[in-house]
Amino acid sequence: MGRLIYVSDSGTNTAYFYSYRSGKLKGSFSVGLSEPQGLCSDQKGNVWLANTAESDVVEYAHGATTPKQTLATTGQYPVGCSVDKKGDVAVSDIISTSDTGGNVEIFKGGKGSPTSVTCPNLDRYYFLGFDSKGNIFVDGEDSSYAFAFCEIPSGGNSGEAIMLNAPPEFPGAVQWDGTYIVIEDQETGAIDRFRIRGTTGTLRGTVVLNGASFGFFLPSRDRVLSFLSGSQGIGFFKYPAGGNAIKTLPLGGLSEPVGFTVSPTSIL
C-alpha cells in the first residue's frame, strides 16, 4: 500500500488510513474502539492506537484492519503513544480509571504487561515521545493545572521534572526531530523546539504553521504535517520554516479527529 497516514476519529470511534501521496482513503477499522485518540508507528509500519475509553492499546500491521494484539493498561485512560527503535511502546495515561493521577506505561518490545512510571511534577499526562537514545519526554499538567514537562531516562523507573525557560500554555504533541525535542502549544498552535540539558530545556525556535489547528507529525527532518483548521484535512509544511502549507490532503467526513501518524515512521 505504500506509506500511509492514519487518523483517529474519536467522534465516530473509528480510525482511517489514507495514501500518504494522494490522500485517497485506503481503509478503516472500528471494532472494539471507544474514544480512540493517540496513534504512533514504527519503522516496520506497525501502528499503535490508544483506545482511551477501553483502557487498552491496540496494534495493527501496516494496512491491516484487524488487530495484531491488544495490550491492557493498569486501569488507566491512555491518550498518547510513542515507539522507539527497539520496539518499546510508551503510553501516556492522562488519569486513572479511578480518577486519580495518570502515569506513563512502557511495554517492553511492544508486548506483555507494562511497567508504570510516574513523574514528580505531573498529575495529568498528555503526550509523549522518545528521542534517539530511548529517553521519553512527556508533557501534561500539575495538580494546579499548570503546564509541566518531564523526562524518563532510558531504562529508568522514575521521571525527572524538566524546567522549560518558555513553557507552552497548554500541552500538545511531543516528538524528537533529530536535534531538538519539539512540543506543540495547543493554546497558540505553535510548535516549540527545545534543547534539553540535564533538567533544563531552552527554547531554540518556534515553528508557526499558517492555517493549522492542532496536532503535528514529523515524517522526515524537513517536513511536518498538521491538521488544518475548519476540518480541511491535513497540511504538509516545510520544517522548520513553517509558513503556508505546500500541500493539502482533504480528508473529509471526519467528526472529531484527534490523533494521526505516518506509517512507516522515519524519525526515531
Protein backbone atom coordinates (compact mmCIF):
# COMPACT_ATOMS: atom_id res chain seq x y z
CA MET A 1 0.00 0.00 0.00
CA GLY A 2 2.98 2.31 0.31
CA ARG A 3 3.27 4.93 3.02
CA LEU A 4 0.04 5.65 4.89
CA ILE A 5 -1.41 8.39 7.08
CA TYR A 6 -3.54 7.10 9.96
CA VAL A 7 -6.16 9.30 11.63
CA SER A 8 -8.23 8.53 14.74
CA ASP A 9 -11.78 9.91 14.82
CA SER A 10 -12.99 9.90 18.41
CA GLY A 11 -16.42 11.17 17.36
CA THR A 12 -17.21 8.02 15.37
CA ASN A 13 -14.96 5.55 17.27
CA THR A 14 -13.15 4.81 14.02
CA ALA A 15 -9.62 5.04 12.64
CA TYR A 16 -8.95 5.66 8.95
CA PHE A 17 -5.83 5.34 6.84
CA TYR A 18 -5.00 7.18 3.62
CA SER A 19 -2.35 7.18 0.94
CA TYR A 20 0.50 9.48 2.01
CA ARG A 21 0.91 10.75 -1.55
CA SER A 22 -2.66 11.09 -2.82
CA GLY A 23 -4.80 11.26 0.32
CA LYS A 24 -7.04 8.50 -1.06
CA LEU A 25 -8.85 6.51 1.62
CA LYS A 26 -7.36 3.01 1.81
CA GLY A 27 -9.25 1.52 4.74
CA SER A 28 -10.69 1.91 8.23
CA PHE A 29 -11.35 -0.05 11.40
CA SER A 30 -13.72 0.45 14.31
CA VAL A 31 -14.37 -2.91 16.02
CA GLY A 32 -13.61 -2.62 19.73
CA LEU A 33 -12.71 1.07 19.57
CA SER A 34 -14.10 3.57 22.07
CA GLU A 35 -12.83 7.17 22.05
CA PRO A 36 -9.63 6.34 20.12
CA GLN A 37 -7.01 9.08 20.43
CA GLY A 38 -3.24 8.88 20.06
CA LEU A 39 -1.53 7.00 17.23
CA CYS A 40 2.10 6.01 16.75
CA SER A 41 4.08 3.79 14.38
CA ASP A 42 7.45 2.12 13.96
CA GLN A 43 9.88 1.73 11.05
CA LYS A 44 8.29 -1.59 10.06
CA GLY A 45 4.91 0.08 9.67
CA ASN A 46 3.18 -1.39 12.70
CA VAL A 47 0.68 1.11 14.11
CA TRP A 48 -0.44 1.51 17.73
CA LEU A 49 -3.65 3.20 18.83
CA ALA A 50 -4.52 4.49 22.31
CA ASN A 51 -8.05 3.17 22.80
CA THR A 52 -8.91 5.54 25.60
CA ALA A 53 -12.32 4.52 26.92
CA GLU A 54 -11.42 0.81 26.78
CA SER A 55 -8.18 1.40 28.71
CA ASP A 56 -6.06 -0.53 26.23
CA VAL A 57 -3.63 -0.11 23.36
CA VAL A 58 -4.24 -1.86 20.04
CA GLU A 59 -1.60 -2.82 17.45
CA TYR A 60 -2.29 -3.13 13.71
CA ALA A 61 0.02 -4.29 10.96
CA HIS A 62 0.62 -1.82 8.13
CA GLY A 63 -2.57 -1.58 6.06
CA ALA A 64 -4.46 -4.12 8.17
CA THR A 65 -7.97 -3.59 9.50
CA THR A 66 -7.93 -6.27 12.22
CA PRO A 67 -5.67 -6.07 15.29
CA LYS A 68 -2.40 -7.95 15.74
CA GLN A 69 -2.78 -7.69 19.50
CA THR A 70 -4.40 -5.69 22.28
CA LEU A 71 -2.49 -4.73 25.43
CA ALA A 72 -4.31 -3.69 28.59
CA THR A 73 -3.21 -0.75 30.71
CA THR A 74 -3.24 -0.98 34.50
CA GLY A 75 -6.57 0.75 35.00
CA GLN A 76 -5.67 3.88 33.09
CA TYR A 77 -7.04 6.07 30.27
CA PRO A 78 -4.35 6.11 27.53
CA VAL A 79 -4.29 9.16 25.25
CA GLY A 80 -0.85 9.22 23.60
CA CYS A 81 1.81 6.76 22.48
CA SER A 82 5.29 6.54 21.03
CA VAL A 83 7.52 3.69 19.77
CA ASP A 84 11.32 3.65 19.97
CA LYS A 85 13.78 1.92 17.63
CA LYS A 86 13.90 -1.16 19.91
CA GLY A 87 10.16 -1.64 19.61
CA ASP A 88 9.31 -0.47 23.12
CA VAL A 89 5.89 1.19 23.26
CA ALA A 90 5.31 4.04 25.73
CA VAL A 91 1.78 5.19 26.53
CA SER A 92 0.72 8.37 28.32
CA ASP A 93 -2.26 7.76 30.60
CA ILE A 94 -3.99 11.06 31.28
CA ILE A 95 -5.64 9.87 34.52
CA SER A 96 -6.57 6.56 36.11
CA THR A 97 -10.00 4.99 35.79
CA SER A 98 -10.48 5.77 39.48
CA ASP A 99 -9.97 9.49 38.70
CA THR A 100 -6.56 9.70 40.38
CA GLY A 101 -3.32 10.81 38.73
CA GLY A 102 -2.07 9.36 35.46
CA ASN A 103 1.27 7.82 34.52
CA VAL A 104 3.43 6.53 31.69
CA GLU A 105 3.32 2.82 30.90
CA ILE A 106 6.09 1.11 28.94
CA PHE A 107 5.52 -2.15 27.10
CA LYS A 108 8.96 -3.67 26.51
CA GLY A 109 9.21 -4.89 22.95
CA GLY A 110 5.56 -3.97 22.48
CA LYS A 111 4.39 -7.00 24.45
CA GLY A 112 3.21 -8.26 27.81
CA SER A 113 2.37 -6.23 30.90
CA PRO A 114 3.58 -2.65 31.21
CA THR A 115 5.98 -1.04 33.63
CA SER A 116 4.37 2.03 35.19
CA VAL A 117 6.44 5.19 35.69
CA THR A 118 5.39 8.48 37.26
CA CYS A 119 6.82 11.99 37.17
CA PRO A 120 7.11 14.13 40.33
CA ASN A 121 5.58 17.21 38.66
CA LEU A 122 2.76 15.66 36.61
CA ASP A 123 -0.80 14.89 37.63
CA ARG A 124 -2.36 14.59 34.15
CA TYR A 125 -0.21 13.08 31.40
CA TYR A 126 -1.00 14.23 27.85
CA PHE A 127 1.53 13.45 25.11
CA LEU A 128 4.95 11.87 24.91
CA GLY A 129 7.79 10.96 22.56
CA PHE A 130 11.06 9.01 22.53
CA ASP A 131 14.33 10.59 21.49
CA SER A 132 17.03 8.65 19.61
CA LYS A 133 18.58 7.36 22.86
CA GLY A 134 15.38 5.86 24.24
CA ASN A 135 14.63 8.67 26.69
CA ILE A 136 10.95 9.54 27.00
CA PHE A 137 9.69 13.13 27.18
CA VAL A 138 6.13 13.73 28.34
CA ASP A 139 4.03 16.85 28.85
CA GLY A 140 0.90 17.44 30.89
CA GLU A 141 -0.37 19.40 33.84
CA ASP A 142 0.47 19.57 37.52
CA SER A 143 -2.10 19.49 40.32
CA SER A 144 -2.78 23.20 39.76
CA TYR A 145 -3.49 22.67 36.02
CA ALA A 146 -0.27 24.43 35.00
CA PHE A 147 1.84 23.09 32.12
CA ALA A 148 4.52 20.63 33.26
CA PHE A 149 7.22 18.65 31.47
CA CYS A 150 9.18 15.55 32.41
CA GLU A 151 11.92 13.21 31.16
CA ILE A 152 12.01 9.48 31.86
CA PRO A 153 15.62 8.36 31.21
CA SER A 154 16.08 5.24 29.12
CA GLY A 155 15.64 2.22 31.38
CA GLY A 156 14.69 4.43 34.32
CA ASN A 157 11.94 3.70 36.82
CA SER A 158 11.07 7.29 37.65
CA GLY A 159 10.73 10.61 35.87
CA GLU A 160 12.61 13.87 36.35
CA ALA A 161 10.98 17.30 36.19
CA ILE A 162 12.28 19.45 33.32
CA MET A 163 12.08 23.23 33.66
CA LEU A 164 11.49 24.97 30.33
CA ASN A 165 12.54 28.61 30.01
CA ALA A 166 9.49 29.38 27.83
CA PRO A 167 6.88 26.69 28.50
CA PRO A 168 3.82 26.24 26.26
CA GLU A 169 0.48 27.42 27.62
CA PHE A 170 -1.28 24.08 27.07
CA PRO A 171 0.28 20.66 26.42
CA GLY A 172 0.31 19.27 22.90
CA ALA A 173 2.10 16.66 20.80
CA VAL A 174 5.73 15.80 21.65
CA GLN A 175 8.31 14.45 19.19
CA TRP A 176 12.06 14.25 18.59
CA ASP A 177 13.13 15.99 15.38
CA GLY A 178 16.65 14.59 15.23
CA THR A 179 18.14 17.59 17.07
CA TYR A 180 15.55 19.01 19.45
CA ILE A 181 12.56 17.90 21.47
CA VAL A 182 9.54 19.53 19.85
CA ILE A 183 6.40 20.42 21.81
CA GLU A 184 3.14 21.72 20.44
CA ASP A 185 1.35 24.50 22.30
CA GLN A 186 -2.32 23.73 21.74
CA GLU A 187 -3.27 27.17 23.02
CA THR A 188 -1.34 29.06 20.34
CA GLY A 189 -0.94 26.39 17.67
CA ALA A 190 2.83 26.96 17.57
CA ILE A 191 5.49 24.24 17.69
CA ASP A 192 8.37 24.98 20.06
CA ARG A 193 11.83 23.40 19.68
CA PHE A 194 13.76 22.84 22.91
CA ARG A 195 17.33 21.81 23.62
CA ILE A 196 17.31 19.67 26.77
CA ARG A 197 20.38 19.77 29.02
CA GLY A 198 20.04 17.99 32.36
CA THR A 199 16.83 19.20 33.97
CA THR A 200 16.58 22.39 31.88
CA GLY A 201 15.04 22.98 28.47
CA THR A 202 15.97 26.05 26.41
CA LEU A 203 13.77 27.31 23.57
CA ARG A 204 15.73 27.25 20.30
CA GLY A 205 12.98 28.31 17.94
CA THR A 206 9.26 28.35 17.23
CA VAL A 207 7.60 26.96 14.09
CA VAL A 208 4.35 28.62 13.00
CA LEU A 209 2.11 26.67 10.62
CA ASN A 210 -0.38 29.00 8.92
CA GLY A 211 -3.89 27.58 8.83
CA ALA A 212 -3.09 24.67 11.15
CA SER A 213 -5.31 23.78 14.09
CA PHE A 214 -3.70 21.15 16.35
CA GLY A 215 -1.58 18.03 16.27
CA PHE A 216 1.60 17.54 14.27
CA PHE A 217 3.80 14.74 13.00
CA LEU A 218 7.34 14.83 11.62
CA PRO A 219 7.69 12.17 8.90
CA SER A 220 11.15 13.45 7.95
CA ARG A 221 13.64 16.11 9.02
CA ASP A 222 12.32 18.67 6.52
CA ARG A 223 8.54 18.13 6.64
CA VAL A 224 5.84 18.49 9.28
CA LEU A 225 2.17 17.54 8.98
CA SER A 226 -0.72 19.06 10.91
CA PHE A 227 -4.49 19.03 10.97
CA LEU A 228 -5.88 22.14 9.26
CA SER A 229 -8.47 24.49 10.70
CA GLY A 230 -12.11 24.00 9.74
CA SER A 231 -11.77 20.25 9.13
CA GLN A 232 -9.96 20.90 5.84
CA GLY A 233 -7.75 17.85 6.19
CA ILE A 234 -4.00 17.59 6.72
CA GLY A 235 -1.44 20.13 5.56
CA PHE A 236 2.19 19.43 4.61
CA PHE A 237 4.59 22.19 5.68
CA LYS A 238 8.31 22.82 5.35
CA TYR A 239 10.22 22.16 8.57
CA PRO A 240 11.46 24.08 10.44
CA ALA A 241 10.49 27.02 8.22
CA GLY A 242 6.73 26.60 8.69
CA GLY A 243 4.57 29.19 6.95
CA ASN A 244 1.92 28.18 4.44
CA ALA A 245 1.14 24.57 3.56
CA ILE A 246 2.92 23.33 0.45
CA LYS A 247 0.40 20.51 0.02
CA THR A 248 -3.06 19.72 1.38
CA LEU A 249 -4.82 16.37 1.70
CA PRO A 250 -8.59 16.95 2.13
CA LEU A 251 -9.79 14.03 4.24
CA GLY A 252 -13.48 14.87 4.64
CA GLY A 253 -16.20 13.15 6.63
CA LEU A 254 -14.42 13.19 9.98
CA SER A 255 -16.40 14.00 13.11
CA GLU A 256 -13.75 14.58 15.80
CA PRO A 257 -10.22 13.83 14.55
CA VAL A 258 -7.77 13.60 17.43
CA GLY A 259 -4.53 11.84 16.55
CA PHE A 260 -2.56 10.87 13.49
CA THR A 261 0.69 9.24 12.46
CA VAL A 262 2.56 8.20 9.35
CA SER A 263 3.36 4.52 8.71
CA PRO A 264 6.13 3.63 8.48
CA THR A 265 7.71 6.40 10.51
CA SER A 266 11.23 7.69 9.88
CA ILE A 267 12.44 9.91 12.76
CA LEU A 268 13.33 7.78 15.79
